Amino acid sequence: MLSDRRVYATIPASDIARARQWYADKLGLRPKREMPTGLIYDLGEGTGFLLYSTTVAGQAPNTLASFSSTDVKADVAQLRQRGVVFEEYDFPGLKTVDGVASIGGINGAWFKDSEGNILAIGEEA
């Protein structure tokens, strides 16, 4: 039933104005639509996300959304120039070096938005 449907992320923000500014300044993203439920961001190939207001933003210990990349190291360098700070992890099976991890030959990197949500950028398998 759902296998042919688009899917999009929903990302919480405790301060929607601050988050909107962070997504614009750091990621270069502007909402395409404003709705009572939040801000709609349309991205490549029919994907996107909803940024919505809630008091529980930044509490998920996992990645909420991943941005596709063909060159993670280059994208990390460009995002760092915009002030994005990348996480460093050292877990069994996941270790970053200069913010980038290689998992099965696929590179990925993680960062937090203004609300403390964990986002990623990674190469698709």
C-alpha atoms as a PDB file:
ATOM      1  CA  MET A   1       0.000   0.000   0.000  1.00  0.00           C
ATOM      2  CA  LEU A   2       2.660   2.562   0.962  1.00  0.00           C
ATOM      3  CA  SER A   3       5.491   1.250  -1.215  1.00  0.00           C
ATOM      4  CA  ASP A   4       4.795   3.719  -4.033  1.00  0.00           C
ATOM      5  CA  ARG A   5       4.289   6.794  -1.845  1.00  0.00           C
ATOM      6  CA  ARG A   6       6.697   9.636  -1.131  1.00  0.00           C
ATOM      7  CA  VAL A   7       8.015   9.898   2.398  1.00  0.00           C
ATOM      8  CA  TYR A   8       9.222  13.008   4.205  1.00  0.00           C
ATOM      9  CA  ALA A   9      10.785  13.786   7.559  1.00  0.00           C
ATOM     10  CA  THR A  10       9.142  15.754  10.349  1.00  0.00           C
ATOM     11  CA  ILE A  11      11.618  17.748  12.411  1.00  0.00           C
ATOM     12  CA  PRO A  12      10.653  19.365  15.729  1.00  0.00           C
ATOM     13  CA  ALA A  13      11.601  22.906  16.737  1.00  0.00           C
ATOM     14  CA  SER A  14      11.094  24.495  20.131  1.00  0.00           C
ATOM     15  CA  ASP A  15      11.712  27.932  18.578  1.00  0.00           C
ATOM     16  CA  ILE A  16      10.471  27.862  14.986  1.00  0.00           C
ATOM     17  CA  ALA A  17      11.867  31.321  14.150  1.00  0.00           C
ATOM     18  CA  ARG A  18      15.337  30.378  15.403  1.00  0.00           C
ATOM     19  CA  ALA A  19      15.194  27.065  13.529  1.00  0.00           C
ATOM     20  CA  ARG A  20      14.025  28.752  10.330  1.00  0.00           C
ATOM     21  CA  GLN A  21      16.974  31.141  10.516  1.00  0.00           C
ATOM     22  CA  TRP A  22      19.436  28.295  11.242  1.00  0.00           C
ATOM     23  CA  TYR A  23      18.223  26.220   8.285  1.00  0.00           C
ATOM     24  CA  ALA A  24      18.560  29.294   6.048  1.00  0.00           C
ATOM     25  CA  ASP A  25      21.967  30.441   7.314  1.00  0.00           C
ATOM     26  CA  LYS A  26      23.655  27.062   7.801  1.00  0.00           C
ATOM     27  CA  LEU A  27      22.047  24.850   5.164  1.00  0.00           C
ATOM     28  CA  GLY A  28      20.876  27.442   2.652  1.00  0.00           C
ATOM     29  CA  LEU A  29      17.276  26.197   2.853  1.00  0.00           C
ATOM     30  CA  ARG A  30      14.143  28.299   2.636  1.00  0.00           C
ATOM     31  CA  PRO A  31      10.648  27.009   3.301  1.00  0.00           C
ATOM     32  CA  LYS A  32       8.450  26.651   0.241  1.00  0.00           C
ATOM     33  CA  ARG A  33       5.238  26.943   2.220  1.00  0.00           C
ATOM     34  CA  GLU A  34       4.083  28.092   5.618  1.00  0.00           C
ATOM     35  CA  MET A  35       1.189  26.186   7.132  1.00  0.00           C
ATOM     36  CA  PRO A  36      -0.505  26.216  10.523  1.00  0.00           C
ATOM     37  CA  THR A  37       1.371  22.963  11.245  1.00  0.00           C
ATOM     38  CA  GLY A  38       4.793  24.447  10.429  1.00  0.00           C
ATOM     39  CA  LEU A  39       7.190  25.146   7.604  1.00  0.00           C
ATOM     40  CA  ILE A  40       7.360  22.903   4.534  1.00  0.00           C
ATOM     41  CA  TYR A  41      10.730  22.513   2.846  1.00  0.00           C
ATOM     42  CA  ASP A  42      10.723  20.995  -0.640  1.00  0.00           C
ATOM     43  CA  LEU A  43      14.051  19.515  -1.680  1.00  0.00           C
ATOM     44  CA  GLY A  44      15.409  17.412  -4.509  1.00  0.00           C
ATOM     45  CA  GLU A  45      13.539  14.699  -6.378  1.00  0.00           C
ATOM     46  CA  GLY A  46      10.219  15.306  -4.634  1.00  0.00           C
ATOM     47  CA  THR A  47      11.582  14.975  -1.100  1.00  0.00           C
ATOM     48  CA  GLY A  48      11.376  17.400   1.781  1.00  0.00           C
ATOM     49  CA  PHE A  49      10.534  17.875   5.425  1.00  0.00           C
ATOM     50  CA  LEU A  50       8.170  19.608   7.785  1.00  0.00           C
ATOM     51  CA  LEU A  51       9.670  21.795  10.515  1.00  0.00           C
ATOM     52  CA  TYR A  52       7.055  22.027  13.249  1.00  0.00           C
ATOM     53  CA  SER A  53       6.781  23.700  16.638  1.00  0.00           C
ATOM     54  CA  THR A  54       6.824  21.592  19.795  1.00  0.00           C
ATOM     55  CA  THR A  55       8.261  21.744  23.307  1.00  0.00           C
ATOM     56  CA  VAL A  56      10.036  18.381  22.962  1.00  0.00           C
ATOM     57  CA  ALA A  57      12.493  19.266  20.166  1.00  0.00           C
ATOM     58  CA  GLY A  58      16.025  17.938  20.378  1.00  0.00           C
ATOM     59  CA  GLN A  59      15.209  15.004  22.632  1.00  0.00           C
ATOM     60  CA  ALA A  60      15.530  12.158  20.118  1.00  0.00           C
ATOM     61  CA  PRO A  61      18.867  10.328  20.510  1.00  0.00           C
ATOM     62  CA  ASN A  62      18.802   9.230  16.874  1.00  0.00           C
ATOM     63  CA  THR A  63      19.117  10.718  13.402  1.00  0.00           C
ATOM     64  CA  LEU A  64      15.863  12.403  12.333  1.00  0.00           C
ATOM     65  CA  ALA A  65      16.723  13.082   8.689  1.00  0.00           C
ATOM     66  CA  SER A  66      19.557  12.384   6.268  1.00  0.00           C
ATOM     67  CA  PHE A  67      20.576  14.481   3.304  1.00  0.00           C
ATOM     68  CA  SER A  68      21.911  12.610   0.283  1.00  0.00           C
ATOM     69  CA  SER A  69      25.451  13.303  -0.896  1.00  0.00           C
ATOM     70  CA  THR A  70      27.778  12.166  -3.641  1.00  0.00           C
ATOM     71  CA  ASP A  71      30.852  13.544  -1.802  1.00  0.00           C
ATOM     72  CA  VAL A  72      30.394  13.718   1.970  1.00  0.00           C
ATOM     73  CA  LYS A  73      33.862  15.090   2.697  1.00  0.00           C
ATOM     74  CA  ALA A  74      33.385  17.988   0.274  1.00  0.00           C
ATOM     75  CA  ASP A  75      29.892  18.699   1.611  1.00  0.00           C
ATOM     76  CA  VAL A  76      31.171  18.621   5.200  1.00  0.00           C
ATOM     77  CA  ALA A  77      33.883  21.142   4.275  1.00  0.00           C
ATOM     78  CA  GLN A  78      31.319  23.474   2.666  1.00  0.00           C
ATOM     79  CA  LEU A  79      28.890  23.183   5.576  1.00  0.00           C
ATOM     80  CA  ARG A  80      31.685  23.868   8.068  1.00  0.00           C
ATOM     81  CA  GLN A  81      32.380  27.113   6.209  1.00  0.00           C
ATOM     82  CA  ARG A  82      28.751  28.036   6.938  1.00  0.00           C
ATOM     83  CA  GLY A  83      29.238  27.296  10.651  1.00  0.00           C
ATOM     84  CA  VAL A  84      27.811  23.774  10.892  1.00  0.00           C
ATOM     85  CA  VAL A  85      29.506  21.778  13.666  1.00  0.00           C
ATOM     86  CA  PHE A  86      29.877  18.047  13.044  1.00  0.00           C
ATOM     87  CA  GLU A  87      29.595  15.409  15.735  1.00  0.00           C
ATOM     88  CA  GLU A  88      32.438  13.063  16.590  1.00  0.00           C
ATOM     89  CA  TYR A  89      31.466   9.494  17.490  1.00  0.00           C
ATOM     90  CA  ASP A  90      33.502   6.556  18.747  1.00  0.00           C
ATOM     91  CA  PHE A  91      31.145   3.606  19.204  1.00  0.00           C
ATOM     92  CA  PRO A  92      31.641  -0.040  18.333  1.00  0.00           C
ATOM     93  CA  GLY A  93      31.122  -0.138  14.567  1.00  0.00           C
ATOM     94  CA  LEU A  94      30.993   3.664  14.183  1.00  0.00           C
ATOM     95  CA  LYS A  95      33.978   5.970  14.486  1.00  0.00           C
ATOM     96  CA  THR A  96      34.233   9.382  12.885  1.00  0.00           C
ATOM     97  CA  VAL A  97      37.487  10.935  11.760  1.00  0.00           C
ATOM     98  CA  ASP A  98      37.256  14.693  11.312  1.00  0.00           C
ATOM     99  CA  GLY A  99      33.465  14.346  11.500  1.00  0.00           C
ATOM    100  CA  VAL A 100      33.131  11.635   8.829  1.00  0.00           C
ATOM    101  CA  ALA A 101      32.559   7.904   9.320  1.00  0.00           C
ATOM    102  CA  SER A 102      32.966   5.194   6.725  1.00  0.00           C
ATOM    103  CA  ILE A 103      30.465   2.370   7.190  1.00  0.00           C
ATOM    104  CA  GLY A 104      30.897  -0.452   4.720  1.00  0.00           C
ATOM    105  CA  GLY A 105      32.666   1.914   2.341  1.00  0.00           C
ATOM    106  CA  ILE A 106      29.882   4.509   2.510  1.00  0.00           C
ATOM    107  CA  ASN A 107      30.674   7.877   4.109  1.00  0.00           C
ATOM    108  CA  GLY A 108      28.374   9.697   6.501  1.00  0.00           C
ATOM    109  CA  ALA A 109      28.513  12.640   8.905  1.00  0.00           C
ATOM    110  CA  TRP A 110      26.191  13.919  11.639  1.00  0.00           C
ATOM    111  CA  PHE A 111      25.396  17.381  12.974  1.00  0.00           C
ATOM    112  CA  LYS A 112      22.815  19.037  15.214  1.00  0.00           C
ATOM    113  CA  ASP A 113      20.480  21.826  14.193  1.00  0.00           C
ATOM    114  CA  SER A 114      19.654  24.850  16.350  1.00  0.00           C
ATOM    115  CA  GLU A 115      17.101  22.759  18.248  1.00  0.00           C
ATOM    116  CA  GLY A 116      19.464  19.896  19.112  1.00  0.00           C
ATOM    117  CA  ASN A 117      18.037  17.504  16.512  1.00  0.00           C
ATOM    118  CA  ILE A 118      20.523  15.089  14.968  1.00  0.00           C
ATOM    119  CA  LEU A 119      20.719  15.320  11.177  1.00  0.00           C
ATOM    120  CA  ALA A 120      23.032  13.510   8.789  1.00  0.00           C
ATOM    121  CA  ILE A 121      24.564  13.760   5.387  1.00  0.00           C
ATOM    122  CA  GLY A 122      25.519  10.540   3.682  1.00  0.00           C
ATOM    123  CA  GLU A 123      26.249   8.728   0.491  1.00  0.00           C
ATOM    124  CA  GLU A 124      23.513   6.441  -0.728  1.00  0.00           C
ATOM    125  CA  ALA A 125      24.362   2.780  -1.209  1.00  0.00           C
END
